Amino acid sequence: MCDLKNIPESSIVGNGSFLLEKSIPALQMVSMDNGQERWGPLTRLSSGSELHPLGKGFDDYTLRVRLEGFIYIVFQQDLELAYEARAMAATA
């Protein structure tokens, strides 16, 4: 299930958004003239980016987020790995 429970409080911004601790891959969604969306380029969202969660992506393993006016699909596993790396570094 896709949720934000594994994101540490220190990364949550007051408006429900969160900051990325590490860059992650993302699939940009592009709006077409008819109002539908299509897959856009595969890209990386930079560490420190403020993501605004918009809900479930394609399935329970993906999350739809907004960054600077663009919509992206990210994998929950990539978010979890980014924050696990942070937790491991903190305990080392």
Protein backbone atom coordinates (compact mmCIF):
# COMPACT_ATOMS: atom_id res chain seq x y z
CA MET A 1 0.00 0.00 0.00
CA CYS A 2 1.33 3.42 -0.91
CA ASP A 3 1.57 5.80 2.04
CA LEU A 4 3.95 8.22 3.67
CA LYS A 5 4.28 6.54 7.08
CA ASN A 6 8.00 5.77 6.59
CA ILE A 7 8.98 9.37 5.94
CA PRO A 8 10.59 10.88 9.04
CA GLU A 9 8.93 13.88 10.67
CA SER A 10 12.03 15.97 10.00
CA SER A 11 11.34 15.66 6.25
CA ILE A 12 7.65 16.61 6.44
CA VAL A 13 6.89 20.23 5.59
CA GLY A 14 3.99 21.93 7.39
CA ASN A 15 1.65 21.79 4.40
CA GLY A 16 1.71 17.99 4.08
CA SER A 17 4.56 18.05 1.60
CA PHE A 18 7.88 16.35 2.19
CA LEU A 19 11.50 16.90 1.26
CA LEU A 20 13.48 14.24 -0.55
CA GLU A 21 16.54 13.08 1.34
CA LYS A 22 18.04 11.47 -1.77
CA SER A 23 17.36 11.74 -5.50
CA ILE A 24 14.91 9.17 -6.87
CA PRO A 25 13.70 8.18 -10.35
CA ALA A 26 10.30 9.47 -11.47
CA LEU A 27 8.05 9.25 -14.49
CA GLN A 28 6.73 12.66 -15.57
CA MET A 29 3.09 12.82 -16.65
CA VAL A 30 2.38 15.15 -19.57
CA SER A 31 -1.05 16.68 -20.26
CA MET A 32 -2.28 16.45 -23.83
CA ASP A 33 -4.55 18.94 -25.61
CA ASN A 34 -7.60 16.70 -25.06
CA GLY A 35 -7.11 16.80 -21.28
CA GLN A 36 -5.76 13.27 -20.98
CA GLU A 37 -2.32 12.44 -19.67
CA ARG A 38 0.44 10.40 -21.21
CA TRP A 39 3.77 9.20 -19.94
CA GLY A 40 6.52 11.70 -20.37
CA PRO A 41 10.24 11.38 -19.79
CA LEU A 42 11.83 9.27 -17.10
CA THR A 43 13.80 11.62 -14.88
CA ARG A 44 15.35 11.97 -11.43
CA LEU A 45 13.92 14.18 -8.73
CA SER A 46 16.75 15.88 -6.86
CA SER A 47 17.60 15.56 -3.23
CA GLY A 48 16.00 18.44 -1.32
CA SER A 49 13.01 18.69 -3.69
CA GLU A 50 9.72 19.48 -1.98
CA LEU A 51 7.13 16.96 -3.15
CA HIS A 52 3.39 17.44 -2.74
CA PRO A 53 1.60 14.06 -2.54
CA LEU A 54 -1.52 13.85 -4.71
CA GLY A 55 -2.54 10.25 -4.01
CA LYS A 56 -2.13 6.85 -5.50
CA GLY A 57 -0.31 6.51 -8.81
CA PHE A 58 -0.93 3.59 -11.16
CA ASP A 59 -1.30 1.09 -8.32
CA ASP A 60 -0.67 0.59 -4.61
CA TYR A 61 3.09 0.69 -5.19
CA THR A 62 3.27 4.10 -6.79
CA LEU A 63 2.53 7.62 -5.62
CA ARG A 64 1.43 10.62 -7.67
CA VAL A 65 3.28 13.78 -6.62
CA ARG A 66 3.60 17.38 -7.78
CA LEU A 67 6.88 19.25 -7.98
CA GLU A 68 7.09 22.83 -9.26
CA GLY A 69 3.86 22.52 -11.24
CA PHE A 70 4.68 19.17 -12.84
CA ILE A 71 3.09 15.81 -12.03
CA TYR A 72 5.26 12.74 -11.49
CA ILE A 73 4.76 9.10 -10.60
CA VAL A 74 7.27 7.71 -8.09
CA PHE A 75 7.64 4.24 -6.65
CA GLN A 76 6.96 3.81 -2.95
CA GLN A 77 9.97 1.49 -2.75
CA ASP A 78 12.29 4.23 -4.02
CA LEU A 79 11.02 6.61 -1.34
CA GLU A 80 11.47 3.97 1.35
CA LEU A 81 15.02 3.18 0.18
CA ALA A 82 15.92 6.87 0.25
CA TYR A 83 14.79 7.21 3.87
CA GLU A 84 16.26 3.84 4.94
CA ALA A 85 19.64 5.06 3.68
CA ARG A 86 19.25 8.17 5.82
CA ALA A 87 18.34 6.12 8.90
CA MET A 88 21.31 3.79 8.37
CA ALA A 89 23.70 6.73 8.02
CA ALA A 90 22.36 8.23 11.25
CA THR A 91 23.05 5.05 13.20
CA ALA A 92 26.53 4.46 11.76
